[in-house]
Amino acid sequence: MALTFIFLGPPGCGKGTQAARLAEREGWVHFDMGSMLRAEIAAGGETAEEIVSYTSEGKLVPLPLIRDLVEKFFRDHAEDNVLLDGFPRSLDQAELIDEVLQRNVDAVVLFQLGEDEIRTRIIYRRFCPECGAVYNLRTNPPREDERCDNCGVRLSRREDDTEPVLLKRVRVYRQQTEPVVERYRECGLLRVVDASDDATGVEHRLKEVLGLND
């Protein structure tokens, strides 16, 4: 039977990096709602403007705007092993997962990170618009100032990687996502990983808690 893992944690905890690494290593499908919403915005569809009105303020996009995306994803990947990256982020999203997922969730991983480290990771985060490589100007800077090591392209900053938006995102996480974490804890599905180490160290711990060590 296909596996389903959910990765949760505050902004900047590295859950997206770990989901992408694990999906590539194991050949699983990576569900990244943030990327899906950014693609919707870039496509300029009828909901794009409304989506931006929420994401630019660090707010969760309401369920009616994402329901079709979630339902289509699970129809297309009904037989695949799936990693849900940062989703569900609210109790109503968790209920949507219960509704459309025709199988059990195998484990939920919480990536724990302190607020000082969250700030450093988010405020100094940059990405390459060409190849998607991610950097941090303090902890993982490019060799040449603000240019991608791979492409030489000037790095960009996500519109929501600002201090005011970060504060809102952390507040939303505390208010809306922590109850989801507790829901899965009560179900016995929760696994906790210290996300303060570098990506390789966190990856090692993640494989341990999921029983995926080579």
Protein backbone atom coordinates (compact mmCIF):
# COMPACT_ATOMS: atom_id res chain seq x y z
CA MET A 1 0.00 0.00 0.00
CA ALA A 2 1.20 3.52 -0.78
CA LEU A 3 2.74 5.50 2.09
CA THR A 4 1.73 8.98 3.25
CA PHE A 5 3.97 11.15 5.44
CA ILE A 6 3.17 14.67 6.65
CA PHE A 7 5.93 17.17 7.51
CA LEU A 8 4.96 20.06 9.81
CA GLY A 9 6.88 22.84 11.53
CA PRO A 10 7.27 26.61 11.78
CA PRO A 11 8.47 28.80 8.88
CA GLY A 12 12.13 28.21 8.06
CA CYS A 13 12.42 24.86 9.84
CA GLY A 14 13.67 23.12 6.69
CA LYS A 15 10.73 20.78 6.16
CA GLY A 16 10.61 21.66 2.45
CA THR A 17 14.30 20.89 1.99
CA GLN A 18 13.92 17.55 3.75
CA ALA A 19 10.76 16.66 1.83
CA ALA A 20 12.48 17.39 -1.49
CA ARG A 21 15.57 15.36 -0.52
CA LEU A 22 13.57 12.38 0.69
CA ALA A 23 11.23 12.44 -2.29
CA GLU A 24 14.19 12.44 -4.69
CA ARG A 25 16.03 9.71 -2.77
CA GLU A 26 13.04 7.38 -2.47
CA GLY A 27 11.23 8.29 -5.69
CA TRP A 28 8.19 9.61 -3.83
CA VAL A 29 5.85 12.46 -4.77
CA HIS A 30 6.42 15.80 -3.01
CA PHE A 31 3.24 17.78 -2.27
CA ASP A 32 4.21 21.42 -1.73
CA MET A 33 1.18 23.69 -1.39
CA GLY A 34 3.37 26.83 -1.37
CA SER A 35 4.82 25.98 -4.78
CA MET A 36 1.39 25.07 -6.11
CA LEU A 37 -0.02 28.42 -4.99
CA ARG A 38 2.93 30.31 -6.48
CA ALA A 39 2.33 28.48 -9.77
CA GLU A 40 -1.34 29.50 -9.65
CA ILE A 41 -0.31 33.12 -9.09
CA ALA A 42 2.24 33.00 -11.94
CA ALA A 43 -0.39 31.54 -14.27
CA GLY A 44 -2.62 34.52 -13.51
CA GLY A 45 -5.80 32.51 -13.12
CA GLU A 46 -9.05 33.91 -11.80
CA THR A 47 -8.08 33.16 -8.18
CA ALA A 48 -4.50 34.50 -8.43
CA GLU A 49 -5.26 37.96 -7.09
CA GLU A 50 -7.23 36.57 -4.17
CA ILE A 51 -4.46 34.10 -3.30
CA VAL A 52 -1.89 36.93 -3.29
CA SER A 53 -4.08 38.96 -0.93
CA TYR A 54 -3.59 36.21 1.68
CA THR A 55 -0.01 35.04 1.07
CA SER A 56 1.41 38.58 0.98
CA GLU A 57 0.02 39.12 4.48
CA GLY A 58 1.32 35.82 5.87
CA LYS A 59 -2.22 34.43 6.17
CA LEU A 60 -3.48 30.96 5.31
CA VAL A 61 -5.30 30.72 1.99
CA PRO A 62 -8.94 29.74 2.70
CA LEU A 63 -10.08 26.20 2.02
CA PRO A 64 -12.38 27.00 -0.93
CA LEU A 65 -9.38 28.36 -2.88
CA ILE A 66 -7.24 25.25 -2.38
CA ARG A 67 -9.79 22.41 -2.32
CA ASP A 68 -9.63 21.77 -6.08
CA LEU A 69 -5.80 21.68 -6.02
CA VAL A 70 -5.77 19.14 -3.18
CA GLU A 71 -8.46 16.93 -4.70
CA LYS A 72 -6.76 16.88 -8.12
CA PHE A 73 -3.39 16.05 -6.56
CA PHE A 74 -4.71 13.00 -4.74
CA ARG A 75 -6.66 11.81 -7.79
CA ASP A 76 -3.47 12.01 -9.86
CA HIS A 77 -1.31 10.28 -7.22
CA ALA A 78 -3.70 7.76 -5.68
CA GLU A 79 -1.16 4.93 -6.04
CA ASP A 80 2.01 6.87 -5.20
CA ASN A 81 3.98 7.31 -1.99
CA VAL A 82 3.42 10.93 -0.97
CA LEU A 83 5.14 13.50 1.27
CA LEU A 84 2.88 16.37 2.34
CA ASP A 85 5.16 19.36 2.94
CA GLY A 86 3.69 21.80 5.48
CA PHE A 87 0.15 20.64 4.86
CA PRO A 88 -2.34 20.51 6.54
CA ARG A 89 -1.77 23.82 8.33
CA SER A 90 -5.17 24.15 10.01
CA LEU A 91 -7.81 21.84 11.43
CA ASP A 92 -10.14 22.38 8.47
CA GLN A 93 -7.29 21.44 6.11
CA ALA A 94 -6.67 18.30 8.21
CA GLU A 95 -10.35 17.42 7.80
CA LEU A 96 -9.99 17.93 4.03
CA ILE A 97 -7.09 15.46 4.02
CA ASP A 98 -9.23 12.94 5.91
CA GLU A 99 -11.97 13.46 3.32
CA VAL A 100 -9.95 13.11 0.10
CA LEU A 101 -7.14 10.75 1.18
CA GLN A 102 -8.26 7.20 0.47
CA ARG A 103 -5.62 5.67 2.77
CA ASN A 104 -4.10 6.10 6.22
CA VAL A 105 -1.45 8.66 7.17
CA ASP A 106 1.62 6.63 8.20
CA ALA A 107 3.50 9.27 10.21
CA VAL A 108 3.58 13.00 10.93
CA VAL A 109 6.99 14.60 11.50
CA LEU A 110 7.29 17.82 13.50
CA PHE A 111 10.48 19.81 12.77
CA GLN A 112 11.21 21.81 15.93
CA LEU A 113 13.13 25.11 15.71
CA GLY A 114 13.57 28.08 18.07
CA GLU A 115 12.29 31.52 17.10
CA ASP A 116 15.75 33.17 16.85
CA GLU A 117 16.84 30.52 14.37
CA ILE A 118 13.56 30.85 12.46
CA ARG A 119 14.24 34.57 12.00
CA THR A 120 17.82 34.03 10.77
CA ARG A 121 16.75 31.40 8.27
CA ILE A 122 13.85 33.41 6.83
CA ILE A 123 15.14 36.99 6.78
CA TYR A 124 18.44 36.00 5.12
CA ARG A 125 16.98 33.37 2.78
CA ARG A 126 17.55 33.84 -0.95
CA PHE A 127 16.84 31.63 -3.98
CA CYS A 128 17.92 31.36 -7.59
CA PRO A 129 15.02 32.22 -9.94
CA GLU A 130 16.72 30.14 -12.65
CA CYS A 131 17.50 26.77 -11.01
CA GLY A 132 15.69 27.07 -7.66
CA ALA A 133 18.80 26.66 -5.47
CA VAL A 134 18.30 28.07 -1.97
CA TYR A 135 20.90 30.01 0.04
CA ASN A 136 21.15 31.84 3.34
CA LEU A 137 23.31 34.96 3.35
CA ARG A 138 24.50 34.18 6.89
CA THR A 139 24.63 30.41 7.21
CA ASN A 140 24.96 29.19 3.61
CA PRO A 141 26.03 32.13 1.40
CA PRO A 142 26.85 31.85 -2.31
CA ARG A 143 30.51 32.12 -3.31
CA GLU A 144 29.87 35.41 -5.13
CA ASP A 145 27.80 38.07 -3.38
CA GLU A 146 24.08 37.36 -3.98
CA ARG A 147 24.70 35.33 -7.16
CA CYS A 148 23.87 31.66 -7.68
CA ASP A 149 26.84 29.28 -7.60
CA ASN A 150 25.25 27.21 -10.37
CA CYS A 151 23.88 29.85 -12.77
CA GLY A 152 25.57 33.12 -11.86
CA VAL A 153 22.09 34.66 -11.79
CA ARG A 154 21.35 37.32 -9.16
CA LEU A 155 19.48 35.76 -6.26
CA SER A 156 15.92 36.72 -5.41
CA ARG A 157 14.00 37.02 -2.18
CA ARG A 158 10.52 35.65 -1.67
CA GLU A 159 8.00 38.45 -1.22
CA ASP A 160 6.89 37.02 2.13
CA ASP A 161 10.43 36.66 3.55
CA THR A 162 10.24 39.96 5.44
CA GLU A 163 10.16 40.57 9.17
CA PRO A 164 6.56 41.89 9.39
CA VAL A 165 5.22 38.99 7.32
CA LEU A 166 7.38 36.49 9.25
CA LEU A 167 5.89 37.64 12.56
CA LYS A 168 2.41 37.09 11.13
CA ARG A 169 3.35 33.67 9.75
CA VAL A 170 4.74 32.55 13.12
CA ARG A 171 1.59 33.81 14.85
CA VAL A 172 -0.59 31.94 12.34
CA TYR A 173 1.51 28.81 12.91
CA ARG A 174 1.03 29.04 16.69
CA GLN A 175 -2.70 29.69 16.41
CA GLN A 176 -3.69 27.39 13.55
CA THR A 177 -1.03 24.72 12.95
CA GLU A 178 -0.07 23.80 16.52
CA PRO A 179 -3.62 22.45 17.10
CA VAL A 180 -3.05 20.21 14.05
CA VAL A 181 0.20 18.98 15.61
CA GLU A 182 -1.68 18.12 18.83
CA ARG A 183 -4.37 16.33 16.83
CA TYR A 184 -1.78 14.02 15.29
CA ARG A 185 0.02 13.63 18.63
CA GLU A 186 -3.21 12.37 20.19
CA CYS A 187 -3.57 9.91 17.29
CA GLY A 188 -0.10 8.49 18.02
CA LEU A 189 1.24 9.52 14.61
CA LEU A 190 3.64 12.30 15.67
CA ARG A 191 7.44 12.00 15.41
CA VAL A 192 9.66 14.92 16.51
CA VAL A 193 12.95 15.97 14.86
CA ASP A 194 15.33 18.68 16.13
CA ALA A 195 15.71 20.94 13.08
CA SER A 196 18.48 23.16 14.47
CA ASP A 197 21.31 21.14 12.85
CA ASP A 198 22.46 21.50 9.24
CA ALA A 199 20.45 19.81 6.50
CA THR A 200 22.57 16.63 6.52
CA GLY A 201 22.25 16.21 10.29
CA VAL A 202 18.49 16.75 10.17
CA GLU A 203 18.20 14.30 7.28
CA HIS A 204 19.96 11.63 9.37
CA ARG A 205 17.55 12.15 12.29
CA LEU A 206 14.58 12.13 9.94
CA LYS A 207 15.54 8.79 8.42
CA GLU A 208 15.94 7.39 11.94
CA VAL A 209 12.46 8.39 13.11
CA LEU A 210 10.90 7.08 9.88
CA GLY A 211 12.91 3.85 9.94
CA LEU A 212 14.51 4.60 6.57
CA ASN A 213 18.21 4.24 7.43
CA ASP A 214 20.28 2.40 4.84
